[in-house]
């Protein structure tokens, strides 16, 4: 993949969903990551991010 293709893939995944004045929520970041992965591979993730959220919260604790 060249730089132009990579830039298009990222732009398609982001789709204007980030605002420069606000910190994005984790669910938005995950959604963009999933959209990028689907756009590049053509395959949806096998798990919904909501199913993993509880475990991720445990790992985020200090």
PDB file of N, CA and C in Angstrom:
ATOM      1  N   UNK A   1       0.854  -1.160   0.000  1.00  0.00           N
ATOM      2  CA  UNK A   1       0.000   0.000   0.000  1.00  0.00           C
ATOM      3  C   UNK A   1       0.909   1.235   0.000  1.00  0.00           C
ATOM      4  N   UNK A   2       0.643   2.148  -0.894  1.00  0.00           N
ATOM      5  CA  UNK A   2       1.446   3.371  -0.910  1.00  0.00           C
ATOM      6  C   UNK A   2       0.821   4.425   0.012  1.00  0.00           C
ATOM      7  N   UNK A   3       1.494   5.552   0.138  1.00  0.00           N
ATOM      8  CA  UNK A   3       1.039   6.606   1.058  1.00  0.00           C
ATOM      9  C   UNK A   3      -0.348   7.128   0.705  1.00  0.00           C
ATOM     10  N   UNK A   4      -0.619   7.293  -0.558  1.00  0.00           N
ATOM     11  CA  UNK A   4      -1.919   7.818  -0.973  1.00  0.00           C
ATOM     12  C   UNK A   4      -3.040   6.848  -0.611  1.00  0.00           C
ATOM     13  N   UNK A   5      -2.815   5.557  -0.835  1.00  0.00           N
ATOM     14  CA  UNK A   5      -3.821   4.548  -0.468  1.00  0.00           C
ATOM     15  C   UNK A   5      -4.027   4.521   1.044  1.00  0.00           C
ATOM     16  N   UNK A   6      -2.931   4.620   1.803  1.00  0.00           N
ATOM     17  CA  UNK A   6      -3.029   4.624   3.261  1.00  0.00           C
ATOM     18  C   UNK A   6      -3.808   5.846   3.742  1.00  0.00           C
ATOM     19  N   UNK A   7      -3.536   6.990   3.163  1.00  0.00           N
ATOM     20  CA  UNK A   7      -4.250   8.214   3.547  1.00  0.00           C
ATOM     21  C   UNK A   7      -5.743   8.092   3.251  1.00  0.00           C
ATOM     22  N   UNK A   8      -6.094   7.518   2.114  1.00  0.00           N
ATOM     23  CA  UNK A   8      -7.515   7.316   1.774  1.00  0.00           C
ATOM     24  C   UNK A   8      -8.175   6.352   2.749  1.00  0.00           C
ATOM     25  N   UNK A   9      -7.485   5.278   3.103  1.00  0.00           N
ATOM     26  CA  UNK A   9      -8.044   4.297   4.039  1.00  0.00           C
ATOM     27  C   UNK A   9      -8.313   4.931   5.400  1.00  0.00           C
ATOM     28  N   UNK A  10      -7.378   5.733   5.872  1.00  0.00           N
ATOM     29  CA  UNK A  10      -7.556   6.408   7.162  1.00  0.00           C
ATOM     30  C   UNK A  10      -8.687   7.427   7.079  1.00  0.00           C
ATOM     31  N   UNK A  11      -8.719   8.211   6.033  1.00  0.00           N
ATOM     32  CA  UNK A  11      -9.784   9.204   5.873  1.00  0.00           C
ATOM     33  C   UNK A  11     -11.155   8.531   5.803  1.00  0.00           C
ATOM     34  N   UNK A  12     -11.254   7.424   5.102  1.00  0.00           N
ATOM     35  CA  UNK A  12     -12.525   6.700   5.024  1.00  0.00           C
ATOM     36  C   UNK A  12     -12.943   6.177   6.390  1.00  0.00           C
ATOM     37  N   UNK A  13     -11.996   5.706   7.187  1.00  0.00           N
ATOM     38  CA  UNK A  13     -12.307   5.180   8.515  1.00  0.00           C
ATOM     39  C   UNK A  13     -12.715   6.297   9.470  1.00  0.00           C
ATOM     40  N   UNK A  14     -12.018   7.426   9.411  1.00  0.00           N
ATOM     41  CA  UNK A  14     -12.318   8.534  10.323  1.00  0.00           C
ATOM     42  C   UNK A  14     -13.622   9.214   9.936  1.00  0.00           C
ATOM     43  N   UNK A  15     -13.773   9.498   8.663  1.00  0.00           N
ATOM     44  CA  UNK A  15     -15.026  10.058   8.167  1.00  0.00           C
ATOM     45  C   UNK A  15     -15.486  11.325   8.866  1.00  0.00           C
ATOM     46  N   UNK A  16     -14.558  12.166   9.329  1.00  0.00           N
ATOM     47  CA  UNK A  16     -14.939  13.423   9.967  1.00  0.00           C
ATOM     48  C   UNK A  16     -15.493  13.283  11.369  1.00  0.00           C
ATOM     49  N   UNK A  17     -15.278  12.144  12.006  1.00  0.00           N
ATOM     50  CA  UNK A  17     -15.868  11.913  13.333  1.00  0.00           C
ATOM     51  C   UNK A  17     -15.087  12.538  14.478  1.00  0.00           C
ATOM     52  N   UNK A  18     -13.840  12.953  14.270  1.00  0.00           N
ATOM     53  CA  UNK A  18     -13.066  13.574  15.338  1.00  0.00           C
ATOM     54  C   UNK A  18     -13.193  15.084  15.267  1.00  0.00           C
ATOM     55  N   UNK A  19     -13.330  15.708  16.413  1.00  0.00           N
ATOM     56  CA  UNK A  19     -13.376  17.164  16.524  1.00  0.00           C
ATOM     57  C   UNK A  19     -12.097  17.601  17.223  1.00  0.00           C
ATOM     58  N   UNK A  20     -11.455  18.619  16.725  1.00  0.00           N
ATOM     59  CA  UNK A  20     -10.158  19.026  17.256  1.00  0.00           C
ATOM     60  C   UNK A  20     -10.243  19.588  18.672  1.00  0.00           C
ATOM     61  N   UNK A  21     -11.416  19.995  19.118  1.00  0.00           N
ATOM     62  CA  UNK A  21     -11.541  20.631  20.419  1.00  0.00           C
ATOM     63  C   UNK A  21     -12.018  19.667  21.519  1.00  0.00           C
ATOM     64  N   UNK A  22     -12.195  18.421  21.201  1.00  0.00           N
ATOM     65  CA  UNK A  22     -12.710  17.472  22.195  1.00  0.00           C
ATOM     66  C   UNK A  22     -11.894  16.183  22.178  1.00  0.00           C
ATOM     67  N   UNK A  23     -11.665  15.639  23.362  1.00  0.00           N
ATOM     68  CA  UNK A  23     -11.005  14.335  23.464  1.00  0.00           C
ATOM     69  C   UNK A  23     -12.015  13.266  23.068  1.00  0.00           C
ATOM     70  N   UNK A  24     -11.678  12.425  22.103  1.00  0.00           N
ATOM     71  CA  UNK A  24     -12.651  11.408  21.671  1.00  0.00           C
ATOM     72  C   UNK A  24     -12.845  10.325  22.729  1.00  0.00           C
ATOM     73  N   UNK A  25     -14.054   9.805  22.787  1.00  0.00           N
ATOM     74  CA  UNK A  25     -14.347   8.696  23.696  1.00  0.00           C
ATOM     75  C   UNK A  25     -13.701   7.429  23.155  1.00  0.00           C
ATOM     76  N   UNK A  26     -13.427   6.506  24.062  1.00  0.00           N
ATOM     77  CA  UNK A  26     -12.788   5.247  23.664  1.00  0.00           C
ATOM     78  C   UNK A  26     -13.637   4.492  22.648  1.00  0.00           C
ATOM     79  N   UNK A  27     -14.949   4.535  22.794  1.00  0.00           N
ATOM     80  CA  UNK A  27     -15.807   3.822  21.841  1.00  0.00           C
ATOM     81  C   UNK A  27     -15.670   4.388  20.435  1.00  0.00           C
ATOM     82  N   UNK A  28     -15.460   5.707  20.324  1.00  0.00           N
ATOM     83  CA  UNK A  28     -15.257   6.316  19.008  1.00  0.00           C
ATOM     84  C   UNK A  28     -13.930   5.863  18.419  1.00  0.00           C
ATOM     85  N   UNK A  29     -12.889   5.857  19.226  1.00  0.00           N
ATOM     86  CA  UNK A  29     -11.575   5.415  18.758  1.00  0.00           C
ATOM     87  C   UNK A  29     -11.645   3.966  18.303  1.00  0.00           C
ATOM     88  N   UNK A  30     -12.319   3.122  19.091  1.00  0.00           N
ATOM     89  CA  UNK A  30     -12.462   1.709  18.713  1.00  0.00           C
ATOM     90  C   UNK A  30     -13.246   1.560  17.422  1.00  0.00           C
ATOM     91  N   UNK A  31     -14.282   2.359  17.274  1.00  0.00           N
ATOM     92  CA  UNK A  31     -15.101   2.295  16.065  1.00  0.00           C
ATOM     93  C   UNK A  31     -14.290   2.652  14.822  1.00  0.00           C
ATOM     94  N   UNK A  32     -13.464   3.686  14.929  1.00  0.00           N
ATOM     95  CA  UNK A  32     -12.613   4.079  13.811  1.00  0.00           C
ATOM     96  C   UNK A  32     -11.619   2.963  13.498  1.00  0.00           C
ATOM     97  N   UNK A  33     -11.026   2.372  14.543  1.00  0.00           N
ATOM     98  CA  UNK A  33     -10.087   1.268  14.333  1.00  0.00           C
ATOM     99  C   UNK A  33     -10.744   0.086  13.652  1.00  0.00           C
ATOM    100  N   UNK A  34     -11.956  -0.243  14.089  1.00  0.00           N
ATOM    101  CA  UNK A  34     -12.685  -1.348  13.468  1.00  0.00           C
ATOM    102  C   UNK A  34     -13.022  -1.025  12.017  1.00  0.00           C
ATOM    103  N   UNK A  35     -13.460   0.215  11.766  1.00  0.00           N
ATOM    104  CA  UNK A  35     -13.789   0.601  10.393  1.00  0.00           C
ATOM    105  C   UNK A  35     -12.557   0.536   9.492  1.00  0.00           C
ATOM    106  N   UNK A  36     -11.406   0.948  10.027  1.00  0.00           N
ATOM    107  CA  UNK A  36     -10.164   0.863   9.257  1.00  0.00           C
ATOM    108  C   UNK A  36      -9.835  -0.590   8.958  1.00  0.00           C
ATOM    109  N   UNK A  37      -9.935  -1.450   9.963  1.00  0.00           N
ATOM    110  CA  UNK A  37      -9.637  -2.871   9.770  1.00  0.00           C
ATOM    111  C   UNK A  37     -10.573  -3.506   8.746  1.00  0.00           C
ATOM    112  N   UNK A  38     -11.856  -3.206   8.848  1.00  0.00           N
ATOM    113  CA  UNK A  38     -12.820  -3.758   7.891  1.00  0.00           C
ATOM    114  C   UNK A  38     -12.533  -3.233   6.489  1.00  0.00           C
ATOM    115  N   UNK A  39     -12.216  -1.943   6.383  1.00  0.00           N
ATOM    116  CA  UNK A  39     -11.910  -1.362   5.082  1.00  0.00           C
ATOM    117  C   UNK A  39     -10.684  -1.990   4.433  1.00  0.00           C
ATOM    118  N   UNK A  40      -9.702  -2.355   5.256  1.00  0.00           N
ATOM    119  CA  UNK A  40      -8.473  -2.926   4.716  1.00  0.00           C
ATOM    120  C   UNK A  40      -8.576  -4.420   4.449  1.00  0.00           C
ATOM    121  N   UNK A  41      -9.322  -5.132   5.300  1.00  0.00           N
ATOM    122  CA  UNK A  41      -9.377  -6.591   5.181  1.00  0.00           C
ATOM    123  C   UNK A  41     -10.669  -7.111   4.567  1.00  0.00           C
ATOM    124  N   UNK A  42     -11.736  -6.320   4.671  1.00  0.00           N
ATOM    125  CA  UNK A  42     -13.038  -6.788   4.201  1.00  0.00           C
ATOM    126  C   UNK A  42     -13.734  -7.703   5.189  1.00  0.00           C
ATOM    127  N   UNK A  43     -13.170  -7.839   6.397  1.00  0.00           N
ATOM    128  CA  UNK A  43     -13.748  -8.720   7.418  1.00  0.00           C
ATOM    129  C   UNK A  43     -14.100  -7.925   8.664  1.00  0.00           C
ATOM    130  N   UNK A  44     -15.304  -8.144   9.166  1.00  0.00           N
ATOM    131  CA  UNK A  44     -15.729  -7.507  10.411  1.00  0.00           C
ATOM    132  C   UNK A  44     -15.077  -8.218  11.592  1.00  0.00           C
ATOM    133  N   UNK A  45     -14.878  -7.500  12.714  1.00  0.00           N
ATOM    134  CA  UNK A  45     -14.301  -8.146  13.893  1.00  0.00           C
ATOM    135  C   UNK A  45     -15.237  -9.225  14.413  1.00  0.00           C
ATOM    136  N   UNK A  46     -14.666 -10.238  15.044  1.00  0.00           N
ATOM    137  CA  UNK A  46     -15.499 -11.339  15.538  1.00  0.00           C
ATOM    138  C   UNK A  46     -16.195 -10.994  16.825  1.00  0.00           C
ATOM    139  N   UNK A  47     -15.738  -9.970  17.520  1.00  0.00           N
ATOM    140  CA  UNK A  47     -16.385  -9.559  18.755  1.00  0.00           C
ATOM    141  C   UNK A  47     -16.750  -8.089  18.683  1.00  0.00           C
ATOM    142  N   UNK A  48     -17.864  -7.758  19.267  1.00  0.00           N
ATOM    143  CA  UNK A  48     -18.269  -6.370  19.393  1.00  0.00           C
ATOM    144  C   UNK A  48     -17.460  -5.745  20.525  1.00  0.00           C
ATOM    145  N   UNK A  49     -17.068  -4.487  20.396  1.00  0.00           N
ATOM    146  CA  UNK A  49     -16.251  -3.840  21.427  1.00  0.00           C
ATOM    147  C   UNK A  49     -16.954  -3.815  22.772  1.00  0.00           C
ATOM    148  N   UNK A  50     -18.272  -3.805  22.803  1.00  0.00           N
ATOM    149  CA  UNK A  50     -18.998  -3.786  24.078  1.00  0.00           C
ATOM    150  C   UNK A  50     -18.804  -5.084  24.846  1.00  0.00           C
ATOM    151  N   UNK A  51     -18.563  -6.181  24.149  1.00  0.00           N
ATOM    152  CA  UNK A  51     -18.332  -7.458  24.817  1.00  0.00           C
ATOM    153  C   UNK A  51     -16.971  -7.478  25.506  1.00  0.00           C
ATOM    154  N   UNK A  52     -16.021  -6.696  25.020  1.00  0.00           N
ATOM    155  CA  UNK A  52     -14.667  -6.672  25.588  1.00  0.00           C
ATOM    156  C   UNK A  52     -14.473  -5.549  26.588  1.00  0.00           C
ATOM    157  N   UNK A  53     -15.423  -4.636  26.686  1.00  0.00           N
ATOM    158  CA  UNK A  53     -15.239  -3.426  27.471  1.00  0.00           C
ATOM    159  C   UNK A  53     -14.932  -3.712  28.940  1.00  0.00           C
ATOM    160  N   UNK A  54     -15.622  -4.649  29.562  1.00  0.00           N
ATOM    161  CA  UNK A  54     -15.405  -4.939  30.974  1.00  0.00           C
ATOM    162  C   UNK A  54     -13.982  -5.416  31.221  1.00  0.00           C
ATOM    163  N   UNK A  55     -13.471  -6.304  30.364  1.00  0.00           N
ATOM    164  CA  UNK A  55     -12.099  -6.782  30.520  1.00  0.00           C
ATOM    165  C   UNK A  55     -11.085  -5.667  30.288  1.00  0.00           C
ATOM    166  N   UNK A  56     -11.354  -4.814  29.311  1.00  0.00           N
ATOM    167  CA  UNK A  56     -10.434  -3.711  29.042  1.00  0.00           C
ATOM    168  C   UNK A  56     -10.399  -2.745  30.213  1.00  0.00           C
ATOM    169  N   UNK A  57     -11.545  -2.520  30.854  1.00  0.00           N
ATOM    170  CA  UNK A  57     -11.572  -1.650  32.025  1.00  0.00           C
ATOM    171  C   UNK A  57     -10.702  -2.214  33.150  1.00  0.00           C
ATOM    172  N   UNK A  58     -10.698  -3.538  33.320  1.00  0.00           N
ATOM    173  CA  UNK A  58      -9.849  -4.161  34.331  1.00  0.00           C
ATOM    174  C   UNK A  58      -8.369  -3.927  34.028  1.00  0.00           C
ATOM    175  N   UNK A  59      -8.004  -3.993  32.771  1.00  0.00           N
ATOM    176  CA  UNK A  59      -6.603  -3.805  32.382  1.00  0.00           C
ATOM    177  C   UNK A  59      -6.176  -2.353  32.481  1.00  0.00           C
ATOM    178  N   UNK A  60      -7.130  -1.435  32.383  1.00  0.00           N
ATOM    179  CA  UNK A  60      -6.816  -0.001  32.446  1.00  0.00           C
ATOM    180  C   UNK A  60      -6.609   0.493  33.865  1.00  0.00           C
ATOM    181  N   UNK A  61      -7.014  -0.293  34.865  1.00  0.00           N
ATOM    182  CA  UNK A  61      -6.867   0.123  36.262  1.00  0.00           C
ATOM    183  C   UNK A  61      -5.403   0.129  36.659  1.00  0.00           C
ATOM    184  N   UNK A  62      -5.045   1.084  37.489  1.00  0.00           N
ATOM    185  CA  UNK A  62      -3.666   1.150  38.002  1.00  0.00           C
ATOM    186  C   UNK A  62      -3.558   0.447  39.325  1.00  0.00           C
TER     187      UNK A  62
END
